[in-house]
Amino acid sequence: MAIDPANTVQALTERTEEVVLIVRKNVEEVQERARKLSDADERAEALKESSKQFEKTSIRLKRSYDEENSCCNQKKRKLVVVIVVGVLVIILIIVLLATGVIPAGSSSSTPPPMPTAPKP
């Protein structure tokens, strides 16, 4: 059996061309993946910067909110203190009236009659 060198060369050439096409396709795919990775890296950096900016803004807003509400909280505290003191004063008056320390007055403003001494 004789091997035809022309057929062998042509078969090798065809196989080489197939391999070259596959290699080119693989190189293009690798380049496309590299572009996608580069784009993803750029987006990640942009998100990182955005998150830093968001964090700064949220801290600034929280401080502003706390400053605005600290005044309201102080007013609320003062109101609660006034109400508690008022309730305590009312309770104290009720207790003093109930124990007789403060005499329960009659509806008239005249003092009660003084007892008279018996006549001899």
PDB file of N, CA and C in Angstrom:
ATOM      1  N   MET A   1       0.819  -1.143   0.000  1.00  0.00           N
ATOM      2  CA  MET A   1       0.000   0.000   0.000  1.00  0.00           C
ATOM      3  C   MET A   1       0.884   1.233   0.000  1.00  0.00           C
ATOM      4  N   ALA A   2       0.642   2.060  -0.938  1.00  0.00           N
ATOM      5  CA  ALA A   2       1.478   3.236  -1.119  1.00  0.00           C
ATOM      6  C   ALA A   2       0.759   4.452  -0.537  1.00  0.00           C
ATOM      7  N   ILE A   3       1.521   5.244   0.152  1.00  0.00           N
ATOM      8  CA  ILE A   3       0.980   6.465   0.742  1.00  0.00           C
ATOM      9  C   ILE A   3       1.246   7.591  -0.219  1.00  0.00           C
ATOM     10  N   ASP A   4       0.173   8.298  -0.513  1.00  0.00           N
ATOM     11  CA  ASP A   4       0.280   9.413  -1.445  1.00  0.00           C
ATOM     12  C   ASP A   4       0.675  10.659  -0.653  1.00  0.00           C
ATOM     13  N   PRO A   5       1.879  11.195  -0.888  1.00  0.00           N
ATOM     14  CA  PRO A   5       2.330  12.351  -0.128  1.00  0.00           C
ATOM     15  C   PRO A   5       1.454  13.568  -0.373  1.00  0.00           C
ATOM     16  N   ALA A   6       0.863  13.741  -1.530  1.00  0.00           N
ATOM     17  CA  ALA A   6       0.036  14.911  -1.818  1.00  0.00           C
ATOM     18  C   ALA A   6      -1.225  14.883  -0.959  1.00  0.00           C
ATOM     19  N   ASN A   7      -1.818  13.696  -0.836  1.00  0.00           N
ATOM     20  CA  ASN A   7      -3.017  13.556   0.001  1.00  0.00           C
ATOM     21  C   ASN A   7      -2.685  13.780   1.477  1.00  0.00           C
ATOM     22  N   THR A   8      -1.562  13.284   1.885  1.00  0.00           N
ATOM     23  CA  THR A   8      -1.145  13.440   3.280  1.00  0.00           C
ATOM     24  C   THR A   8      -0.908  14.909   3.607  1.00  0.00           C
ATOM     25  N   VAL A   9      -0.227  15.627   2.708  1.00  0.00           N
ATOM     26  CA  VAL A   9       0.044  17.049   2.924  1.00  0.00           C
ATOM     27  C   VAL A   9      -1.279  17.829   2.955  1.00  0.00           C
ATOM     28  N   GLN A  10      -2.160  17.486   2.032  1.00  0.00           N
ATOM     29  CA  GLN A  10      -3.437  18.194   1.990  1.00  0.00           C
ATOM     30  C   GLN A  10      -4.259  17.888   3.242  1.00  0.00           C
ATOM     31  N   ALA A  11      -4.270  16.673   3.706  1.00  0.00           N
ATOM     32  CA  ALA A  11      -5.005  16.299   4.920  1.00  0.00           C
ATOM     33  C   ALA A  11      -4.423  17.034   6.132  1.00  0.00           C
ATOM     34  N   LEU A  12      -3.104  17.096   6.186  1.00  0.00           N
ATOM     35  CA  LEU A  12      -2.454  17.818   7.286  1.00  0.00           C
ATOM     36  C   LEU A  12      -2.766  19.312   7.209  1.00  0.00           C
ATOM     37  N   THR A  13      -2.789  19.849   6.007  1.00  0.00           N
ATOM     38  CA  THR A  13      -3.097  21.267   5.830  1.00  0.00           C
ATOM     39  C   THR A  13      -4.529  21.554   6.293  1.00  0.00           C
ATOM     40  N   GLU A  14      -5.458  20.691   5.928  1.00  0.00           N
ATOM     41  CA  GLU A  14      -6.849  20.870   6.344  1.00  0.00           C
ATOM     42  C   GLU A  14      -6.984  20.787   7.859  1.00  0.00           C
ATOM     43  N   ARG A  15      -6.301  19.826   8.456  1.00  0.00           N
ATOM     44  CA  ARG A  15      -6.339  19.681   9.922  1.00  0.00           C
ATOM     45  C   ARG A  15      -5.710  20.897  10.601  1.00  0.00           C
ATOM     46  N   THR A  16      -4.630  21.394   9.999  1.00  0.00           N
ATOM     47  CA  THR A  16      -3.961  22.578  10.559  1.00  0.00           C
ATOM     48  C   THR A  16      -4.886  23.775  10.494  1.00  0.00           C
ATOM     49  N   GLU A  17      -5.595  23.932   9.363  1.00  0.00           N
ATOM     50  CA  GLU A  17      -6.534  25.042   9.223  1.00  0.00           C
ATOM     51  C   GLU A  17      -7.673  24.927  10.243  1.00  0.00           C
ATOM     52  N   GLU A  18      -8.148  23.706  10.495  1.00  0.00           N
ATOM     53  CA  GLU A  18      -9.185  23.497  11.501  1.00  0.00           C
ATOM     54  C   GLU A  18      -8.683  23.900  12.889  1.00  0.00           C
ATOM     55  N   VAL A  19      -7.460  23.498  13.199  1.00  0.00           N
ATOM     56  CA  VAL A  19      -6.870  23.830  14.498  1.00  0.00           C
ATOM     57  C   VAL A  19      -6.685  25.338  14.618  1.00  0.00           C
ATOM     58  N   VAL A  20      -6.252  25.990  13.531  1.00  0.00           N
ATOM     59  CA  VAL A  20      -6.061  27.442  13.544  1.00  0.00           C
ATOM     60  C   VAL A  20      -7.406  28.138  13.807  1.00  0.00           C
ATOM     61  N   LEU A  21      -8.481  27.667  13.145  1.00  0.00           N
ATOM     62  CA  LEU A  21      -9.806  28.252  13.371  1.00  0.00           C
ATOM     63  C   LEU A  21     -10.255  28.072  14.825  1.00  0.00           C
ATOM     64  N   ILE A  22     -10.013  26.890  15.369  1.00  0.00           N
ATOM     65  CA  ILE A  22     -10.389  26.632  16.770  1.00  0.00           C
ATOM     66  C   ILE A  22      -9.591  27.534  17.710  1.00  0.00           C
ATOM     67  N   VAL A  23      -8.299  27.684  17.457  1.00  0.00           N
ATOM     68  CA  VAL A  23      -7.447  28.532  18.297  1.00  0.00           C
ATOM     69  C   VAL A  23      -7.904  29.981  18.206  1.00  0.00           C
ATOM     70  N   ARG A  24      -8.214  30.458  16.995  1.00  0.00           N
ATOM     71  CA  ARG A  24      -8.694  31.833  16.844  1.00  0.00           C
ATOM     72  C   ARG A  24      -9.994  32.053  17.599  1.00  0.00           C
ATOM     73  N   LYS A  25     -10.910  31.076  17.486  1.00  0.00           N
ATOM     74  CA  LYS A  25     -12.177  31.169  18.195  1.00  0.00           C
ATOM     75  C   LYS A  25     -11.941  31.207  19.703  1.00  0.00           C
ATOM     76  N   ASN A  26     -11.063  30.368  20.192  1.00  0.00           N
ATOM     77  CA  ASN A  26     -10.746  30.352  21.626  1.00  0.00           C
ATOM     78  C   ASN A  26     -10.122  31.671  22.079  1.00  0.00           C
ATOM     79  N   VAL A  27      -9.236  32.234  21.263  1.00  0.00           N
ATOM     80  CA  VAL A  27      -8.601  33.517  21.606  1.00  0.00           C
ATOM     81  C   VAL A  27      -9.656  34.615  21.661  1.00  0.00           C
ATOM     82  N   GLU A  28     -10.584  34.623  20.713  1.00  0.00           N
ATOM     83  CA  GLU A  28     -11.654  35.622  20.716  1.00  0.00           C
ATOM     84  C   GLU A  28     -12.529  35.479  21.963  1.00  0.00           C
ATOM     85  N   GLU A  29     -12.843  34.234  22.340  1.00  0.00           N
ATOM     86  CA  GLU A  29     -13.657  34.004  23.528  1.00  0.00           C
ATOM     87  C   GLU A  29     -12.927  34.468  24.790  1.00  0.00           C
ATOM     88  N   VAL A  30     -11.636  34.214  24.852  1.00  0.00           N
ATOM     89  CA  VAL A  30     -10.841  34.653  26.000  1.00  0.00           C
ATOM     90  C   VAL A  30     -10.815  36.177  26.066  1.00  0.00           C
ATOM     91  N   GLN A  31     -10.653  36.832  24.913  1.00  0.00           N
ATOM     92  CA  GLN A  31     -10.657  38.295  24.882  1.00  0.00           C
ATOM     93  C   GLN A  31     -12.018  38.849  25.318  1.00  0.00           C
ATOM     94  N   GLU A  32     -13.095  38.212  24.875  1.00  0.00           N
ATOM     95  CA  GLU A  32     -14.446  38.644  25.272  1.00  0.00           C
ATOM     96  C   GLU A  32     -14.634  38.482  26.776  1.00  0.00           C
ATOM     97  N   ARG A  33     -14.179  37.374  27.323  1.00  0.00           N
ATOM     98  CA  ARG A  33     -14.267  37.173  28.779  1.00  0.00           C
ATOM     99  C   ARG A  33     -13.448  38.221  29.519  1.00  0.00           C
ATOM    100  N   ALA A  34     -12.288  38.544  28.988  1.00  0.00           N
ATOM    101  CA  ALA A  34     -11.446  39.566  29.621  1.00  0.00           C
ATOM    102  C   ALA A  34     -12.160  40.915  29.617  1.00  0.00           C
ATOM    103  N   ARG A  35     -12.835  41.259  28.514  1.00  0.00           N
ATOM    104  CA  ARG A  35     -13.595  42.510  28.465  1.00  0.00           C
ATOM    105  C   ARG A  35     -14.730  42.494  29.491  1.00  0.00           C
ATOM    106  N   LYS A  36     -15.426  41.366  29.575  1.00  0.00           N
ATOM    107  CA  LYS A  36     -16.524  41.254  30.538  1.00  0.00           C
ATOM    108  C   LYS A  36     -16.012  41.376  31.968  1.00  0.00           C
ATOM    109  N   LEU A  37     -14.881  40.742  32.252  1.00  0.00           N
ATOM    110  CA  LEU A  37     -14.289  40.851  33.588  1.00  0.00           C
ATOM    111  C   LEU A  37     -13.874  42.286  33.888  1.00  0.00           C
ATOM    112  N   SER A  38     -13.331  42.954  32.895  1.00  0.00           N
ATOM    113  CA  SER A  38     -12.923  44.343  33.066  1.00  0.00           C
ATOM    114  C   SER A  38     -14.147  45.215  33.341  1.00  0.00           C
ATOM    115  N   ASP A  39     -15.231  44.987  32.588  1.00  0.00           N
ATOM    116  CA  ASP A  39     -16.472  45.737  32.812  1.00  0.00           C
ATOM    117  C   ASP A  39     -17.028  45.460  34.215  1.00  0.00           C
ATOM    118  N   ALA A  40     -17.001  44.191  34.615  1.00  0.00           N
ATOM    119  CA  ALA A  40     -17.499  43.831  35.944  1.00  0.00           C
ATOM    120  C   ALA A  40     -16.642  44.483  37.030  1.00  0.00           C
ATOM    121  N   ASP A  41     -15.351  44.540  36.817  1.00  0.00           N
ATOM    122  CA  ASP A  41     -14.449  45.169  37.781  1.00  0.00           C
ATOM    123  C   ASP A  41     -14.739  46.665  37.882  1.00  0.00           C
ATOM    124  N   GLU A  42     -14.967  47.321  36.742  1.00  0.00           N
ATOM    125  CA  GLU A  42     -15.300  48.743  36.747  1.00  0.00           C
ATOM    126  C   GLU A  42     -16.623  48.998  37.472  1.00  0.00           C
ATOM    127  N   ARG A  43     -17.620  48.142  37.225  1.00  0.00           N
ATOM    128  CA  ARG A  43     -18.905  48.291  37.905  1.00  0.00           C
ATOM    129  C   ARG A  43     -18.756  48.071  39.407  1.00  0.00           C
ATOM    130  N   ALA A  44     -17.922  47.100  39.783  1.00  0.00           N
ATOM    131  CA  ALA A  44     -17.692  46.847  41.203  1.00  0.00           C
ATOM    132  C   ALA A  44     -17.048  48.057  41.870  1.00  0.00           C
ATOM    133  N   GLU A  45     -16.100  48.674  41.209  1.00  0.00           N
ATOM    134  CA  GLU A  45     -15.463  49.876  41.755  1.00  0.00           C
ATOM    135  C   GLU A  45     -16.473  51.017  41.885  1.00  0.00           C
ATOM    136  N   ALA A  46     -17.317  51.165  40.863  1.00  0.00           N
ATOM    137  CA  ALA A  46     -18.338  52.214  40.905  1.00  0.00           C
ATOM    138  C   ALA A  46     -19.318  51.965  42.057  1.00  0.00           C
ATOM    139  N   LEU A  47     -19.713  50.709  42.254  1.00  0.00           N
ATOM    140  CA  LEU A  47     -20.604  50.375  43.358  1.00  0.00           C
ATOM    141  C   LEU A  47     -19.937  50.624  44.702  1.00  0.00           C
ATOM    142  N   LYS A  48     -18.661  50.316  44.774  1.00  0.00           N
ATOM    143  CA  LYS A  48     -17.910  50.545  46.007  1.00  0.00           C
ATOM    144  C   LYS A  48     -17.894  52.032  46.349  1.00  0.00           C
ATOM    145  N   GLU A  49     -17.640  52.870  45.352  1.00  0.00           N
ATOM    146  CA  GLU A  49     -17.641  54.318  45.569  1.00  0.00           C
ATOM    147  C   GLU A  49     -19.038  54.806  45.943  1.00  0.00           C
ATOM    148  N   SER A  50     -20.053  54.273  45.273  1.00  0.00           N
ATOM    149  CA  SER A  50     -21.434  54.665  45.584  1.00  0.00           C
ATOM    150  C   SER A  50     -21.801  54.273  47.015  1.00  0.00           C
ATOM    151  N   SER A  51     -21.363  53.098  47.447  1.00  0.00           N
ATOM    152  CA  SER A  51     -21.685  52.666  48.806  1.00  0.00           C
ATOM    153  C   SER A  51     -20.977  53.544  49.831  1.00  0.00           C
ATOM    154  N   LYS A  52     -19.753  53.980  49.545  1.00  0.00           N
ATOM    155  CA  LYS A  52     -19.059  54.899  50.460  1.00  0.00           C
ATOM    156  C   LYS A  52     -19.813  56.217  50.548  1.00  0.00           C
ATOM    157  N   GLN A  53     -20.251  56.725  49.402  1.00  0.00           N
ATOM    158  CA  GLN A  53     -21.000  57.980  49.376  1.00  0.00           C
ATOM    159  C   GLN A  53     -22.323  57.829  50.123  1.00  0.00           C
ATOM    160  N   PHE A  54     -22.991  56.699  49.927  1.00  0.00           N
ATOM    161  CA  PHE A  54     -24.260  56.424  50.619  1.00  0.00           C
ATOM    162  C   PHE A  54     -24.041  56.385  52.125  1.00  0.00           C
ATOM    163  N   GLU A  55     -22.958  55.742  52.548  1.00  0.00           N
ATOM    164  CA  GLU A  55     -22.660  55.651  53.977  1.00  0.00           C
ATOM    165  C   GLU A  55     -22.429  57.047  54.571  1.00  0.00           C
ATOM    166  N   LYS A  56     -21.665  57.879  53.869  1.00  0.00           N
ATOM    167  CA  LYS A  56     -21.416  59.239  54.351  1.00  0.00           C
ATOM    168  C   LYS A  56     -22.717  60.026  54.443  1.00  0.00           C
ATOM    169  N   THR A  57     -23.556  59.902  53.411  1.00  0.00           N
ATOM    170  CA  THR A  57     -24.825  60.624  53.396  1.00  0.00           C
ATOM    171  C   THR A  57     -25.729  60.145  54.522  1.00  0.00           C
ATOM    172  N   SER A  58     -25.792  58.842  54.736  1.00  0.00           N
ATOM    173  CA  SER A  58     -26.667  58.315  55.787  1.00  0.00           C
ATOM    174  C   SER A  58     -26.185  58.756  57.165  1.00  0.00           C
ATOM    175  N   ILE A  59     -24.878  58.817  57.379  1.00  0.00           N
ATOM    176  CA  ILE A  59     -24.351  59.292  58.660  1.00  0.00           C
ATOM    177  C   ILE A  59     -24.710  60.764  58.851  1.00  0.00           C
ATOM    178  N   ARG A  60     -24.545  61.551  57.793  1.00  0.00           N
ATOM    179  CA  ARG A  60     -24.866  62.976  57.875  1.00  0.00           C
ATOM    180  C   ARG A  60     -26.369  63.170  58.158  1.00  0.00           C
ATOM    181  N   LEU A  61     -27.227  62.403  57.490  1.00  0.00           N
ATOM    182  CA  LEU A  61     -28.665  62.508  57.720  1.00  0.00           C
ATOM    183  C   LEU A  61     -29.039  62.082  59.136  1.00  0.00           C
ATOM    184  N   LYS A  62     -28.396  61.036  59.634  1.00  0.00           N
ATOM    185  CA  LYS A  62     -28.687  60.574  60.991  1.00  0.00           C
ATOM    186  C   LYS A  62     -28.317  61.649  62.004  1.00  0.00           C
ATOM    187  N   ARG A  63     -27.160  62.265  61.830  1.00  0.00           N
ATOM    188  CA  ARG A  63     -26.754  63.340  62.743  1.00  0.00           C
ATOM    189  C   ARG A  63     -27.748  64.494  62.685  1.00  0.00           C
ATOM    190  N   SER A  64     -28.155  64.849  61.470  1.00  0.00           N
ATOM    191  CA  SER A  64     -29.114  65.937  61.300  1.00  0.00           C
ATOM    192  C   SER A  64     -30.436  65.586  61.972  1.00  0.00           C
ATOM    193  N   TYR A  65     -30.902  64.376  61.789  1.00  0.00           N
ATOM    194  CA  TYR A  65     -32.156  63.918  62.387  1.00  0.00           C
ATOM    195  C   TYR A  65     -32.046  63.940  63.910  1.00  0.00           C
ATOM    196  N   ASP A  66     -30.920  63.453  64.440  1.00  0.00           N
ATOM    197  CA  ASP A  66     -30.727  63.438  65.888  1.00  0.00           C
ATOM    198  C   ASP A  66     -30.707  64.854  66.449  1.00  0.00           C
ATOM    199  N   GLU A  67     -30.064  65.784  65.741  1.00  0.00           N
ATOM    200  CA  GLU A  67     -30.019  67.166  66.201  1.00  0.00           C
ATOM    201  C   GLU A  67     -31.413  67.793  66.201  1.00  0.00           C
ATOM    202  N   GLU A  68     -32.187  67.515  65.160  1.00  0.00           N
ATOM    203  CA  GLU A  68     -33.539  68.070  65.074  1.00  0.00           C
ATOM    204  C   GLU A  68     -34.431  67.504  66.160  1.00  0.00           C
ATOM    205  N   ASN A  69     -34.297  66.221  66.436  1.00  0.00           N
ATOM    206  CA  ASN A  69     -35.182  65.573  67.399  1.00  0.00           C
ATOM    207  C   ASN A  69     -34.711  65.735  68.835  1.00  0.00           C
ATOM    208  N   SER A  70     -33.476  66.143  69.054  1.00  0.00           N
ATOM    209  CA  SER A  70     -33.024  66.324  70.425  1.00  0.00           C
ATOM    210  C   SER A  70     -33.814  67.446  71.083  1.00  0.00           C
ATOM    211  N   CYS A  71     -34.137  68.478  70.331  1.00  0.00           N
ATOM    212  CA  CYS A  71     -34.960  69.575  70.840  1.00  0.00           C
ATOM    213  C   CYS A  71     -36.340  69.050  71.220  1.00  0.00           C
ATOM    214  N   CYS A  72     -36.941  68.280  70.349  1.00  0.00           N
ATOM    215  CA  CYS A  72     -38.270  67.727  70.603  1.00  0.00           C
ATOM    216  C   CYS A  72     -38.229  66.780  71.793  1.00  0.00           C
ATOM    217  N   ASN A  73     -37.177  65.999  71.908  1.00  0.00           N
ATOM    218  CA  ASN A  73     -37.050  65.079  73.028  1.00  0.00           C
ATOM    219  C   ASN A  73     -36.937  65.845  74.338  1.00  0.00           C
ATOM    220  N   GLN A  74     -36.206  66.959  74.337  1.00  0.00           N
ATOM    221  CA  GLN A  74     -36.103  67.771  75.541  1.00  0.00           C
ATOM    222  C   GLN A  74     -37.457  68.359  75.906  1.00  0.00           C
ATOM    223  N   LYS A  75     -38.208  68.815  74.917  1.00  0.00           N
ATOM    224  CA  LYS A  75     -39.538  69.365  75.181  1.00  0.00           C
ATOM    225  C   LYS A  75     -40.454  68.279  75.739  1.00  0.00           C
ATOM    226  N   LYS A  76     -40.369  67.088  75.191  1.00  0.00           N
ATOM    227  CA  LYS A  76     -41.187  65.976  75.682  1.00  0.00           C
ATOM    228  C   LYS A  76     -40.819  65.649  77.121  1.00  0.00           C
ATOM    229  N   ARG A  77     -39.518  65.646  77.415  1.00  0.00           N
ATOM    230  CA  ARG A  77     -39.080  65.358  78.776  1.00  0.00           C
ATOM    231  C   ARG A  77     -39.599  66.416  79.748  1.00  0.00           C
ATOM    232  N   LYS A  78     -39.513  67.679  79.361  1.00  0.00           N
ATOM    233  CA  LYS A  78     -39.997  68.759  80.220  1.00  0.00           C
ATOM    234  C   LYS A  78     -41.496  68.608  80.463  1.00  0.00           C
ATOM    235  N   LEU A  79     -42.245  68.280  79.425  1.00  0.00           N
ATOM    236  CA  LEU A  79     -43.683  68.099  79.566  1.00  0.00           C
ATOM    237  C   LEU A  79     -43.992  66.943  80.513  1.00  0.00           C
ATOM    238  N   VAL A  80     -43.274  65.850  80.399  1.00  0.00           N
ATOM    239  CA  VAL A  80     -43.490  64.701  81.276  1.00  0.00           C
ATOM    240  C   VAL A  80     -43.174  65.086  82.718  1.00  0.00           C
ATOM    241  N   VAL A  81     -42.090  65.822  82.930  1.00  0.00           N
ATOM    242  CA  VAL A  81     -41.729  66.248  84.286  1.00  0.00           C
ATOM    243  C   VAL A  81     -42.822  67.134  84.867  1.00  0.00           C
ATOM    244  N   VAL A  82     -43.343  68.079  84.104  1.00  0.00           N
ATOM    245  CA  VAL A  82     -44.402  68.965  84.577  1.00  0.00           C
ATOM    246  C   VAL A  82     -45.647  68.152  84.925  1.00  0.00           C
ATOM    247  N   ILE A  83     -46.017  67.217  84.101  1.00  0.00           N
ATOM    248  CA  ILE A  83     -47.207  66.392  84.362  1.00  0.00           C
ATOM    249  C   ILE A  83     -47.006  65.563  85.622  1.00  0.00           C
ATOM    250  N   VAL A  84     -45.836  64.943  85.769  1.00  0.00           N
ATOM    251  CA  VAL A  84     -45.559  64.113  86.946  1.00  0.00           C
ATOM    252  C   VAL A  84     -45.599  64.971  88.213  1.00  0.00           C
ATOM    253  N   VAL A  85     -44.977  66.145  88.183  1.00  0.00           N
ATOM    254  CA  VAL A  85     -44.991  67.029  89.355  1.00  0.00           C
ATOM    255  C   VAL A  85     -46.426  67.443  89.673  1.00  0.00           C
ATOM    256  N   GLY A  86     -47.201  67.779  88.667  1.00  0.00           N
ATOM    257  CA  GLY A  86     -48.605  68.152  88.891  1.00  0.00           C
ATOM    258  C   GLY A  86     -49.399  67.030  89.524  1.00  0.00           C
ATOM    259  N   VAL A  87     -49.231  65.819  89.026  1.00  0.00           N
ATOM    260  CA  VAL A  87     -49.940  64.665  89.590  1.00  0.00           C
ATOM    261  C   VAL A  87     -49.500  64.440  91.034  1.00  0.00           C
ATOM    262  N   LEU A  88     -48.210  64.558  91.303  1.00  0.00           N
ATOM    263  CA  LEU A  88     -47.715  64.374  92.671  1.00  0.00           C
ATOM    264  C   LEU A  88     -48.286  65.430  93.620  1.00  0.00           C
ATOM    265  N   VAL A  89     -48.387  66.674  93.163  1.00  0.00           N
ATOM    266  CA  VAL A  89     -48.969  67.734  93.995  1.00  0.00           C
ATOM    267  C   VAL A  89     -50.430  67.418  94.292  1.00  0.00           C
ATOM    268  N   ILE A  90     -51.185  66.974  93.308  1.00  0.00           N
ATOM    269  CA  ILE A  90     -52.597  66.633  93.516  1.00  0.00           C
ATOM    270  C   ILE A  90     -52.717  65.477  94.506  1.00  0.00           C
ATOM    271  N   ILE A  91     -51.883  64.456  94.362  1.00  0.00           N
ATOM    272  CA  ILE A  91     -51.905  63.313  95.278  1.00  0.00           C
ATOM    273  C   ILE A  91     -51.551  63.772  96.689  1.00  0.00           C
ATOM    274  N   LEU A  92     -50.566  64.645  96.824  1.00  0.00           N
ATOM    275  CA  LEU A  92     -50.170  65.160  98.143  1.00  0.00           C
ATOM    276  C   LEU A  92     -51.321  65.919  98.795  1.00  0.00           C
ATOM    277  N   ILE A  93     -52.002  66.738  98.025  1.00  0.00           N
ATOM    278  CA  ILE A  93     -53.137  67.488  98.568  1.00  0.00           C
ATOM    279  C   ILE A  93     -54.235  66.538  99.027  1.00  0.00           C
ATOM    280  N   ILE A  94     -54.526  65.511  98.238  1.00  0.00           N
ATOM    281  CA  ILE A  94     -55.561  64.538  98.602  1.00  0.00           C
ATOM    282  C   ILE A  94     -55.183  63.822  99.889  1.00  0.00           C
ATOM    283  N   VAL A  95     -53.921  63.415 100.007  1.00  0.00           N
ATOM    284  CA  VAL A  95     -53.462  62.714 101.210  1.00  0.00           C
ATOM    285  C   VAL A  95     -53.555  63.638 102.421  1.00  0.00           C
ATOM    286  N   LEU A  96     -53.140  64.886 102.272  1.00  0.00           N
ATOM    287  CA  LEU A  96     -53.195  65.828 103.397  1.00  0.00           C
ATOM    288  C   LEU A  96     -54.640  66.109 103.812  1.00  0.00           C
ATOM    289  N   LEU A  97     -55.533  66.192 102.855  1.00  0.00           N
ATOM    290  CA  LEU A  97     -56.953  66.381 103.183  1.00  0.00           C
ATOM    291  C   LEU A  97     -57.517  65.157 103.880  1.00  0.00           C
ATOM    292  N   ALA A  98     -57.140  63.977 103.433  1.00  0.00           N
ATOM    293  CA  ALA A  98     -57.663  62.743 104.011  1.00  0.00           C
ATOM    294  C   ALA A  98     -57.140  62.533 105.425  1.00  0.00           C
ATOM    295  N   THR A  99     -55.929  62.945 105.711  1.00  0.00           N
ATOM    296  CA  THR A  99     -55.372  62.758 107.051  1.00  0.00           C
ATOM    297  C   THR A  99     -55.761  63.876 107.994  1.00  0.00           C
ATOM    298  N   GLY A 100     -56.349  64.924 107.508  1.00  0.00           N
ATOM    299  CA  GLY A 100     -56.797  66.020 108.346  1.00  0.00           C
ATOM    300  C   GLY A 100     -55.746  67.066 108.589  1.00  0.00           C
ATOM    301  N   VAL A 101     -54.596  66.951 107.973  1.00  0.00           N
ATOM    302  CA  VAL A 101     -53.563  67.962 108.132  1.00  0.00           C
ATOM    303  C   VAL A 101     -54.067  69.277 107.567  1.00  0.00           C
ATOM    304  N   ILE A 102     -54.736  69.197 106.472  1.00  0.00           N
ATOM    305  CA  ILE A 102     -55.409  70.361 105.900  1.00  0.00           C
ATOM    306  C   ILE A 102     -56.884  70.143 106.176  1.00  0.00           C
ATOM    307  N   PRO A 103     -57.488  71.038 106.969  1.00  0.00           N
ATOM    308  CA  PRO A 103     -58.902  70.823 107.300  1.00  0.00           C
ATOM    309  C   PRO A 103     -59.773  71.009 106.057  1.00  0.00           C
ATOM    310  N   ALA A 104     -60.727  70.123 105.933  1.00  0.00           N
ATOM    311  CA  ALA A 104     -61.668  70.225 104.822  1.00  0.00           C
ATOM    312  C   ALA A 104     -62.597  71.374 105.130  1.00  0.00           C
ATOM    313  N   GLY A 105     -62.522  72.422 104.392  1.00  0.00           N
ATOM    314  CA  GLY A 105     -63.301  73.624 104.653  1.00  0.00           C
ATOM    315  C   GLY A 105     -64.737  73.457 104.241  1.00  0.00           C
ATOM    316  N   SER A 106     -65.615  74.237 104.909  1.00  0.00           N
ATOM    317  CA  SER A 106     -67.012  74.241 104.509  1.00  0.00           C
ATOM    318  C   SER A 106     -67.153  75.185 103.332  1.00  0.00           C
ATOM    319  N   SER A 107     -68.314  75.192 102.779  1.00  0.00           N
ATOM    320  CA  SER A 107     -68.512  76.005 101.594  1.00  0.00           C
ATOM    321  C   SER A 107     -68.571  77.488 101.914  1.00  0.00           C
ATOM    322  N   SER A 108     -68.857  77.840 103.179  1.00  0.00           N
ATOM    323  CA  SER A 108     -68.897  79.259 103.528  1.00  0.00           C
ATOM    324  C   SER A 108     -67.520  79.713 103.983  1.00  0.00           C
ATOM    325  N   SER A 109     -67.304  81.000 103.917  1.00  0.00           N
ATOM    326  CA  SER A 109     -66.003  81.513 104.282  1.00  0.00           C
ATOM    327  C   SER A 109     -65.945  81.965 105.737  1.00  0.00           C
ATOM    328  N   THR A 110     -67.036  81.812 106.487  1.00  0.00           N
ATOM    329  CA  THR A 110     -67.021  82.204 107.898  1.00  0.00           C
ATOM    330  C   THR A 110     -66.447  81.080 108.727  1.00  0.00           C
ATOM    331  N   PRO A 111     -65.685  81.447 109.754  1.00  0.00           N
ATOM    332  CA  PRO A 111     -65.111  80.404 110.587  1.00  0.00           C
ATOM    333  C   PRO A 111     -66.197  79.755 111.455  1.00  0.00           C
ATOM    334  N   PRO A 112     -65.957  78.515 111.854  1.00  0.00           N
ATOM    335  CA  PRO A 112     -66.966  77.845 112.683  1.00  0.00           C
ATOM    336  C   PRO A 112     -67.079  78.563 114.045  1.00  0.00           C
ATOM    337  N   PRO A 113     -68.265  78.501 114.670  1.00  0.00           N
ATOM    338  CA  PRO A 113     -68.439  79.188 115.950  1.00  0.00           C
ATOM    339  C   PRO A 113     -67.535  78.595 117.026  1.00  0.00           C
ATOM    340  N   MET A 114     -67.052  79.465 117.881  1.00  0.00           N
ATOM    341  CA  MET A 114     -66.188  79.027 118.975  1.00  0.00           C
ATOM    342  C   MET A 114     -67.068  78.487 120.094  1.00  0.00           C
ATOM    343  N   PRO A 115     -66.615  77.420 120.704  1.00  0.00           N
ATOM    344  CA  PRO A 115     -67.417  76.883 121.818  1.00  0.00           C
ATOM    345  C   PRO A 115     -67.379  77.872 123.007  1.00  0.00           C
ATOM    346  N   THR A 116     -68.498  78.022 123.676  1.00  0.00           N
ATOM    347  CA  THR A 116     -68.574  78.930 124.801  1.00  0.00           C
ATOM    348  C   THR A 116     -68.369  78.176 126.109  1.00  0.00           C
ATOM    349  N   ALA A 117     -67.848  78.891 127.070  1.00  0.00           N
ATOM    350  CA  ALA A 117     -67.619  78.256 128.371  1.00  0.00           C
ATOM    351  C   ALA A 117     -68.941  78.155 129.127  1.00  0.00           C
ATOM    352  N   PRO A 118     -69.137  77.114 129.885  1.00  0.00           N
ATOM    353  CA  PRO A 118     -70.401  76.990 130.635  1.00  0.00           C
ATOM    354  C   PRO A 118     -70.530  78.083 131.691  1.00  0.00           C
ATOM    355  N   LYS A 119     -71.770  78.537 131.920  1.00  0.00           N
ATOM    356  CA  LYS A 119     -72.029  79.605 132.897  1.00  0.00           C
ATOM    357  C   LYS A 119     -72.123  79.024 134.303  1.00  0.00           C
ATOM    358  N   PRO A 120     -71.570  79.676 135.305  1.00  0.00           N
ATOM    359  CA  PRO A 120     -71.626  79.147 136.679  1.00  0.00           C
ATOM    360  C   PRO A 120     -72.866  79.504 137.408  1.00  0.00           C
TER     361      PRO A 120
END
